[in-house]
PDB file of N, CA and C in Angstrom:
ATOM      1  N   UNK A   1     107.989 -47.962  -5.929  1.00  0.00           N
ATOM      2  CA  UNK A   1     108.275 -46.987  -4.889  1.00  0.00           C
ATOM      3  C   UNK A   1     107.056 -46.883  -3.980  1.00  0.00           C
ATOM      4  N   UNK A   2     107.277 -46.918  -2.673  1.00  0.00           N
ATOM      5  CA  UNK A   2     106.166 -46.821  -1.731  1.00  0.00           C
ATOM      6  C   UNK A   2     105.866 -45.370  -1.390  1.00  0.00           C
ATOM      7  N   UNK A   3     104.613 -45.112  -1.095  1.00  0.00           N
ATOM      8  CA  UNK A   3     104.202 -43.759  -0.717  1.00  0.00           C
ATOM      9  C   UNK A   3     104.624 -43.494   0.719  1.00  0.00           C
ATOM     10  N   UNK A   4     105.012 -42.259   0.985  1.00  0.00           N
ATOM     11  CA  UNK A   4     105.423 -41.877   2.330  1.00  0.00           C
ATOM     12  C   UNK A   4     104.174 -41.708   3.202  1.00  0.00           C
ATOM     13  N   UNK A   5     104.212 -42.271   4.392  1.00  0.00           N
ATOM     14  CA  UNK A   5     103.115 -42.139   5.340  1.00  0.00           C
ATOM     15  C   UNK A   5     103.528 -41.131   6.400  1.00  0.00           C
ATOM     16  N   UNK A   6     102.698 -40.107   6.574  1.00  0.00           N
ATOM     17  CA  UNK A   6     102.998 -39.028   7.503  1.00  0.00           C
ATOM     18  C   UNK A   6     102.313 -39.266   8.835  1.00  0.00           C
ATOM     19  N   UNK A   7     102.976 -38.803   9.896  1.00  0.00           N
ATOM     20  CA  UNK A   7     102.410 -38.903  11.244  1.00  0.00           C
ATOM     21  C   UNK A   7     102.556 -37.553  11.933  1.00  0.00           C
ATOM     22  N   UNK A   8     101.556 -37.194  12.721  1.00  0.00           N
ATOM     23  CA  UNK A   8     101.581 -35.920  13.444  1.00  0.00           C
ATOM     24  C   UNK A   8     102.656 -35.964  14.522  1.00  0.00           C
ATOM     25  N   UNK A   9     103.575 -35.009  14.469  1.00  0.00           N
ATOM     26  CA  UNK A   9     104.615 -34.889  15.486  1.00  0.00           C
ATOM     27  C   UNK A   9     104.137 -34.000  16.625  1.00  0.00           C
ATOM     28  N   UNK A  10     103.622 -32.834  16.283  1.00  0.00           N
ATOM     29  CA  UNK A  10     103.164 -31.879  17.294  1.00  0.00           C
ATOM     30  C   UNK A  10     102.311 -30.811  16.634  1.00  0.00           C
ATOM     31  N   UNK A  11     101.743 -29.949  17.455  1.00  0.00           N
ATOM     32  CA  UNK A  11     100.984 -28.791  16.994  1.00  0.00           C
ATOM     33  C   UNK A  11     101.510 -27.565  17.719  1.00  0.00           C
ATOM     34  N   UNK A  12     101.605 -26.460  17.009  1.00  0.00           N
ATOM     35  CA  UNK A  12     102.002 -25.189  17.620  1.00  0.00           C
ATOM     36  C   UNK A  12     101.023 -24.114  17.166  1.00  0.00           C
ATOM     37  N   UNK A  13     100.998 -23.007  17.874  1.00  0.00           N
ATOM     38  CA  UNK A  13     100.077 -21.919  17.550  1.00  0.00           C
ATOM     39  C   UNK A  13     100.817 -20.703  17.009  1.00  0.00           C
ATOM     40  N   UNK A  14     101.910 -20.930  16.321  1.00  0.00           N
ATOM     41  CA  UNK A  14     102.722 -19.834  15.792  1.00  0.00           C
ATOM     42  C   UNK A  14     103.363 -20.316  14.498  1.00  0.00           C
ATOM     43  N   UNK A  15     102.982 -19.715  13.378  1.00  0.00           N
ATOM     44  CA  UNK A  15     103.500 -20.147  12.076  1.00  0.00           C
ATOM     45  C   UNK A  15     105.014 -19.964  11.998  1.00  0.00           C
ATOM     46  N   UNK A  16     105.532 -18.898  12.582  1.00  0.00           N
ATOM     47  CA  UNK A  16     106.980 -18.658  12.545  1.00  0.00           C
ATOM     48  C   UNK A  16     107.710 -19.758  13.309  1.00  0.00           C
ATOM     49  N   UNK A  17     107.204 -20.122  14.476  1.00  0.00           N
ATOM     50  CA  UNK A  17     107.816 -21.210  15.232  1.00  0.00           C
ATOM     51  C   UNK A  17     107.756 -22.515  14.433  1.00  0.00           C
ATOM     52  N   UNK A  18     106.633 -22.768  13.787  1.00  0.00           N
ATOM     53  CA  UNK A  18     106.492 -23.986  12.981  1.00  0.00           C
ATOM     54  C   UNK A  18     107.519 -24.012  11.845  1.00  0.00           C
ATOM     55  N   UNK A  19     107.722 -22.886  11.196  1.00  0.00           N
ATOM     56  CA  UNK A  19     108.707 -22.804  10.106  1.00  0.00           C
ATOM     57  C   UNK A  19     110.127 -23.020  10.635  1.00  0.00           C
ATOM     58  N   UNK A  20     110.416 -22.484  11.822  1.00  0.00           N
ATOM     59  CA  UNK A  20     111.743 -22.678  12.420  1.00  0.00           C
ATOM     60  C   UNK A  20     111.957 -24.144  12.790  1.00  0.00           C
ATOM     61  N   UNK A  21     110.928 -24.765  13.337  1.00  0.00           N
ATOM     62  CA  UNK A  21     111.019 -26.185  13.674  1.00  0.00           C
ATOM     63  C   UNK A  21     111.202 -27.019  12.411  1.00  0.00           C
ATOM     64  N   UNK A  22     110.503 -26.665  11.363  1.00  0.00           N
ATOM     65  CA  UNK A  22     110.634 -27.367  10.083  1.00  0.00           C
ATOM     66  C   UNK A  22     112.066 -27.277   9.575  1.00  0.00           C
ATOM     67  N   UNK A  23     112.634 -26.091   9.616  1.00  0.00           N
ATOM     68  CA  UNK A  23     114.017 -25.901   9.153  1.00  0.00           C
ATOM     69  C   UNK A  23     114.998 -26.730   9.965  1.00  0.00           C
ATOM     70  N   UNK A  24     114.819 -26.759  11.283  1.00  0.00           N
ATOM     71  CA  UNK A  24     115.721 -27.524  12.146  1.00  0.00           C
ATOM     72  C   UNK A  24     115.618 -29.023  11.858  1.00  0.00           C
ATOM     73  N   UNK A  25     114.402 -29.517  11.693  1.00  0.00           N
ATOM     74  CA  UNK A  25     114.211 -30.937  11.399  1.00  0.00           C
ATOM     75  C   UNK A  25     114.762 -31.295  10.020  1.00  0.00           C
ATOM     76  N   UNK A  26     114.544 -30.432   9.047  1.00  0.00           N
ATOM     77  CA  UNK A  26     115.065 -30.695   7.702  1.00  0.00           C
ATOM     78  C   UNK A  26     116.587 -30.675   7.683  1.00  0.00           C
ATOM     79  N   UNK A  27     117.195 -29.885   8.567  1.00  0.00           N
ATOM     80  CA  UNK A  27     118.662 -29.883   8.675  1.00  0.00           C
ATOM     81  C   UNK A  27     119.161 -31.245   9.175  1.00  0.00           C
ATOM     82  N   UNK A  28     118.298 -31.963   9.874  1.00  0.00           N
ATOM     83  CA  UNK A  28     118.621 -33.313  10.345  1.00  0.00           C
ATOM     84  C   UNK A  28     118.176 -34.376   9.332  1.00  0.00           C
ATOM     85  N   UNK A  29     117.796 -33.922   8.156  1.00  0.00           N
ATOM     86  CA  UNK A  29     117.331 -34.783   7.063  1.00  0.00           C
ATOM     87  C   UNK A  29     116.034 -35.515   7.409  1.00  0.00           C
ATOM     88  N   UNK A  30     115.169 -34.807   8.131  1.00  0.00           N
ATOM     89  CA  UNK A  30     113.837 -35.314   8.443  1.00  0.00           C
ATOM     90  C   UNK A  30     112.849 -34.460   7.645  1.00  0.00           C
ATOM     91  N   UNK A  31     112.181 -35.034   6.658  1.00  0.00           N
ATOM     92  CA  UNK A  31     111.198 -34.260   5.893  1.00  0.00           C
ATOM     93  C   UNK A  31     110.054 -33.802   6.793  1.00  0.00           C
ATOM     94  N   UNK A  32     109.504 -32.649   6.498  1.00  0.00           N
ATOM     95  CA  UNK A  32     108.431 -32.078   7.308  1.00  0.00           C
ATOM     96  C   UNK A  32     107.351 -31.514   6.395  1.00  0.00           C
ATOM     97  N   UNK A  33     106.111 -31.706   6.795  1.00  0.00           N
ATOM     98  CA  UNK A  33     104.971 -31.067   6.141  1.00  0.00           C
ATOM     99  C   UNK A  33     104.220 -30.285   7.205  1.00  0.00           C
ATOM    100  N   UNK A  34     103.867 -29.049   6.890  1.00  0.00           N
ATOM    101  CA  UNK A  34     103.075 -28.216   7.790  1.00  0.00           C
ATOM    102  C   UNK A  34     101.665 -28.121   7.241  1.00  0.00           C
ATOM    103  N   UNK A  35     100.683 -28.195   8.128  1.00  0.00           N
ATOM    104  CA  UNK A  35      99.288 -28.062   7.721  1.00  0.00           C
ATOM    105  C   UNK A  35      98.603 -27.076   8.664  1.00  0.00           C
ATOM    106  N   UNK A  36      97.819 -26.188   8.044  1.00  0.00           N
ATOM    107  CA  UNK A  36      97.119 -25.159   8.812  1.00  0.00           C
ATOM    108  C   UNK A  36      95.823 -24.846   8.097  1.00  0.00           C
ATOM    109  N   UNK A  37      94.799 -24.463   8.849  1.00  0.00           N
ATOM    110  CA  UNK A  37      93.552 -24.025   8.226  1.00  0.00           C
ATOM    111  C   UNK A  37      93.886 -22.938   7.211  1.00  0.00           C
ATOM    112  N   UNK A  38      93.220 -22.926   6.090  1.00  0.00           N
ATOM    113  CA  UNK A  38      93.591 -22.015   5.007  1.00  0.00           C
ATOM    114  C   UNK A  38      93.566 -20.548   5.407  1.00  0.00           C
ATOM    115  N   UNK A  39      92.636 -20.132   6.241  1.00  0.00           N
ATOM    116  CA  UNK A  39      92.607 -18.733   6.650  1.00  0.00           C
ATOM    117  C   UNK A  39      93.827 -18.396   7.499  1.00  0.00           C
ATOM    118  N   UNK A  40      94.311 -19.337   8.299  1.00  0.00           N
ATOM    119  CA  UNK A  40      95.481 -19.101   9.139  1.00  0.00           C
ATOM    120  C   UNK A  40      96.754 -18.944   8.332  1.00  0.00           C
ATOM    121  N   UNK A  41      96.787 -19.520   7.131  1.00  0.00           N
ATOM    122  CA  UNK A  41      97.961 -19.398   6.284  1.00  0.00           C
ATOM    123  C   UNK A  41      97.997 -18.113   5.472  1.00  0.00           C
ATOM    124  N   UNK A  42      96.850 -17.435   5.349  1.00  0.00           N
ATOM    125  CA  UNK A  42      96.804 -16.220   4.535  1.00  0.00           C
ATOM    126  C   UNK A  42      96.633 -14.950   5.356  1.00  0.00           C
ATOM    127  N   UNK A  43      95.966 -15.067   6.479  1.00  0.00           N
ATOM    128  CA  UNK A  43      95.761 -13.921   7.376  1.00  0.00           C
ATOM    129  C   UNK A  43      96.495 -14.224   8.674  1.00  0.00           C
ATOM    130  N   UNK A  44      97.369 -13.333   9.132  1.00  0.00           N
ATOM    131  CA  UNK A  44      98.069 -13.605  10.393  1.00  0.00           C
ATOM    132  C   UNK A  44      97.095 -13.776  11.552  1.00  0.00           C
ATOM    133  N   UNK A  45      97.052 -14.980  12.109  1.00  0.00           N
ATOM    134  CA  UNK A  45      96.169 -15.294  13.224  1.00  0.00           C
ATOM    135  C   UNK A  45      97.039 -15.872  14.321  1.00  0.00           C
ATOM    136  N   UNK A  46      96.883 -15.379  15.544  1.00  0.00           N
ATOM    137  CA  UNK A  46      97.737 -15.848  16.635  1.00  0.00           C
ATOM    138  C   UNK A  46      96.965 -16.513  17.763  1.00  0.00           C
ATOM    139  N   UNK A  47      95.687 -16.825  17.533  1.00  0.00           N
ATOM    140  CA  UNK A  47      94.906 -17.490  18.575  1.00  0.00           C
ATOM    141  C   UNK A  47      93.827 -18.338  17.912  1.00  0.00           C
ATOM    142  N   UNK A  48      93.303 -19.275  18.677  1.00  0.00           N
ATOM    143  CA  UNK A  48      92.206 -20.095  18.194  1.00  0.00           C
ATOM    144  C   UNK A  48      92.627 -21.164  17.211  1.00  0.00           C
ATOM    145  N   UNK A  49      91.637 -21.889  16.712  1.00  0.00           N
ATOM    146  CA  UNK A  49      91.925 -23.024  15.849  1.00  0.00           C
ATOM    147  C   UNK A  49      92.579 -22.632  14.522  1.00  0.00           C
ATOM    148  N   UNK A  50      92.381 -21.409  14.059  1.00  0.00           N
ATOM    149  CA  UNK A  50      92.990 -21.003  12.804  1.00  0.00           C
ATOM    150  C   UNK A  50      94.489 -20.764  12.926  1.00  0.00           C
ATOM    151  N   UNK A  51      94.974 -20.552  14.135  1.00  0.00           N
ATOM    152  CA  UNK A  51      96.406 -20.322  14.351  1.00  0.00           C
ATOM    153  C   UNK A  51      97.171 -21.633  14.476  1.00  0.00           C
ATOM    154  N   UNK A  52      96.476 -22.726  14.738  1.00  0.00           N
ATOM    155  CA  UNK A  52      97.136 -24.008  14.978  1.00  0.00           C
ATOM    156  C   UNK A  52      97.806 -24.532  13.707  1.00  0.00           C
ATOM    157  N   UNK A  53      99.095 -24.886  13.846  1.00  0.00           N
ATOM    158  CA  UNK A  53      99.858 -25.471  12.748  1.00  0.00           C
ATOM    159  C   UNK A  53     100.221 -26.895  13.145  1.00  0.00           C
ATOM    160  N   UNK A  54      99.850 -27.854  12.308  1.00  0.00           N
ATOM    161  CA  UNK A  54     100.161 -29.265  12.530  1.00  0.00           C
ATOM    162  C   UNK A  54     101.492 -29.570  11.852  1.00  0.00           C
ATOM    163  N   UNK A  55     102.390 -30.222  12.573  1.00  0.00           N
ATOM    164  CA  UNK A  55     103.709 -30.572  12.036  1.00  0.00           C
ATOM    165  C   UNK A  55     103.762 -32.083  11.862  1.00  0.00           C
ATOM    166  N   UNK A  56     103.895 -32.500  10.614  1.00  0.00           N
ATOM    167  CA  UNK A  56     103.931 -33.913  10.264  1.00  0.00           C
ATOM    168  C   UNK A  56     105.323 -34.321   9.806  1.00  0.00           C
ATOM    169  N   UNK A  57     105.711 -35.549  10.151  1.00  0.00           N
ATOM    170  CA  UNK A  57     106.979 -36.132   9.696  1.00  0.00           C
ATOM    171  C   UNK A  57     106.679 -37.539   9.178  1.00  0.00           C
ATOM    172  N   UNK A  58     107.570 -38.091   8.365  1.00  0.00           N
ATOM    173  CA  UNK A  58     107.347 -39.458   7.899  1.00  0.00           C
ATOM    174  C   UNK A  58     107.296 -40.428   9.081  1.00  0.00           C
ATOM    175  N   UNK A  59     106.424 -41.406   8.978  1.00  0.00           N
ATOM    176  CA  UNK A  59     106.230 -42.371  10.066  1.00  0.00           C
ATOM    177  C   UNK A  59     107.546 -42.999  10.504  1.00  0.00           C
ATOM    178  N   UNK A  60     108.429 -43.299   9.553  1.00  0.00           N
ATOM    179  CA  UNK A  60     109.693 -43.951   9.895  1.00  0.00           C
ATOM    180  C   UNK A  60     110.696 -43.004  10.566  1.00  0.00           C
ATOM    181  N   UNK A  61     110.384 -41.718  10.615  1.00  0.00           N
ATOM    182  CA  UNK A  61     111.269 -40.732  11.251  1.00  0.00           C
ATOM    183  C   UNK A  61     110.702 -40.183  12.556  1.00  0.00           C
ATOM    184  N   UNK A  62     109.557 -40.699  13.003  1.00  0.00           N
ATOM    185  CA  UNK A  62     108.889 -40.160  14.198  1.00  0.00           C
ATOM    186  C   UNK A  62     109.773 -40.274  15.430  1.00  0.00           C
ATOM    187  N   UNK A  63     110.422 -41.397  15.626  1.00  0.00           N
ATOM    188  CA  UNK A  63     111.256 -41.582  16.820  1.00  0.00           C
ATOM    189  C   UNK A  63     112.380 -40.545  16.851  1.00  0.00           C
ATOM    190  N   UNK A  64     113.056 -40.368  15.738  1.00  0.00           N
ATOM    191  CA  UNK A  64     114.151 -39.395  15.650  1.00  0.00           C
ATOM    192  C   UNK A  64     113.627 -37.967  15.842  1.00  0.00           C
ATOM    193  N   UNK A  65     112.504 -37.658  15.204  1.00  0.00           N
ATOM    194  CA  UNK A  65     111.917 -36.320  15.324  1.00  0.00           C
ATOM    195  C   UNK A  65     111.423 -36.064  16.747  1.00  0.00           C
ATOM    196  N   UNK A  66     110.874 -37.088  17.397  1.00  0.00           N
ATOM    197  CA  UNK A  66     110.399 -36.942  18.774  1.00  0.00           C
ATOM    198  C   UNK A  66     111.557 -36.674  19.729  1.00  0.00           C
ATOM    199  N   UNK A  67     112.685 -37.319  19.496  1.00  0.00           N
ATOM    200  CA  UNK A  67     113.872 -37.072  20.325  1.00  0.00           C
ATOM    201  C   UNK A  67     114.314 -35.620  20.175  1.00  0.00           C
ATOM    202  N   UNK A  68     114.312 -35.114  18.937  1.00  0.00           N
ATOM    203  CA  UNK A  68     114.670 -33.710  18.711  1.00  0.00           C
ATOM    204  C   UNK A  68     113.657 -32.803  19.414  1.00  0.00           C
ATOM    205  N   UNK A  69     112.366 -33.122  19.305  1.00  0.00           N
ATOM    206  CA  UNK A  69     111.312 -32.303  19.912  1.00  0.00           C
ATOM    207  C   UNK A  69     111.449 -32.261  21.433  1.00  0.00           C
ATOM    208  N   UNK A  70     111.810 -33.380  22.048  1.00  0.00           N
ATOM    209  CA  UNK A  70     112.026 -33.400  23.502  1.00  0.00           C
ATOM    210  C   UNK A  70     113.135 -32.424  23.890  1.00  0.00           C
ATOM    211  N   UNK A  71     114.229 -32.430  23.137  1.00  0.00           N
ATOM    212  CA  UNK A  71     115.311 -31.491  23.389  1.00  0.00           C
ATOM    213  C   UNK A  71     114.894 -30.054  23.183  1.00  0.00           C
ATOM    214  N   UNK A  72     114.110 -29.815  22.149  1.00  0.00           N
ATOM    215  CA  UNK A  72     113.611 -28.478  21.843  1.00  0.00           C
ATOM    216  C   UNK A  72     112.696 -27.976  22.970  1.00  0.00           C
ATOM    217  N   UNK A  73     111.787 -28.821  23.410  1.00  0.00           N
ATOM    218  CA  UNK A  73     110.841 -28.420  24.469  1.00  0.00           C
ATOM    219  C   UNK A  73     111.501 -28.263  25.828  1.00  0.00           C
ATOM    220  N   UNK A  74     112.616 -28.957  26.065  1.00  0.00           N
ATOM    221  CA  UNK A  74     113.283 -28.904  27.371  1.00  0.00           C
ATOM    222  C   UNK A  74     114.513 -28.006  27.378  1.00  0.00           C
ATOM    223  N   UNK A  75     114.742 -27.282  26.295  1.00  0.00           N
ATOM    224  CA  UNK A  75     115.883 -26.359  26.230  1.00  0.00           C
ATOM    225  C   UNK A  75     115.668 -25.216  27.225  1.00  0.00           C
ATOM    226  N   UNK A  76     116.734 -24.776  27.896  1.00  0.00           N
ATOM    227  CA  UNK A  76     116.583 -23.645  28.815  1.00  0.00           C
ATOM    228  C   UNK A  76     116.127 -22.395  28.073  1.00  0.00           C
ATOM    229  N   UNK A  77     115.202 -21.683  28.695  1.00  0.00           N
ATOM    230  CA  UNK A  77     114.705 -20.433  28.113  1.00  0.00           C
ATOM    231  C   UNK A  77     115.518 -19.266  28.643  1.00  0.00           C
ATOM    232  N   UNK A  78     115.902 -18.370  27.771  1.00  0.00           N
ATOM    233  CA  UNK A  78     116.656 -17.170  28.188  1.00  0.00           C
ATOM    234  C   UNK A  78     115.720 -16.027  28.414  1.00  0.00           C
TER     235      UNK A  78
END
């Protein structure tokens, strides 16, 4: 069995948004890993480097995840 290789899809500065994006991608059967500085994961931080959440997907799913991300970023805002 080969090890999964992860690639950075995007970064966001909101843990809730990152969790929502993770759920949406997983609904499309795209595995997701979130990474954040440890203080940002335990203390609510909404600015600076501690708030940044890195969203990783398997390398073989980057194209599919990027297509979803384009739709997400270009969705009309209400």
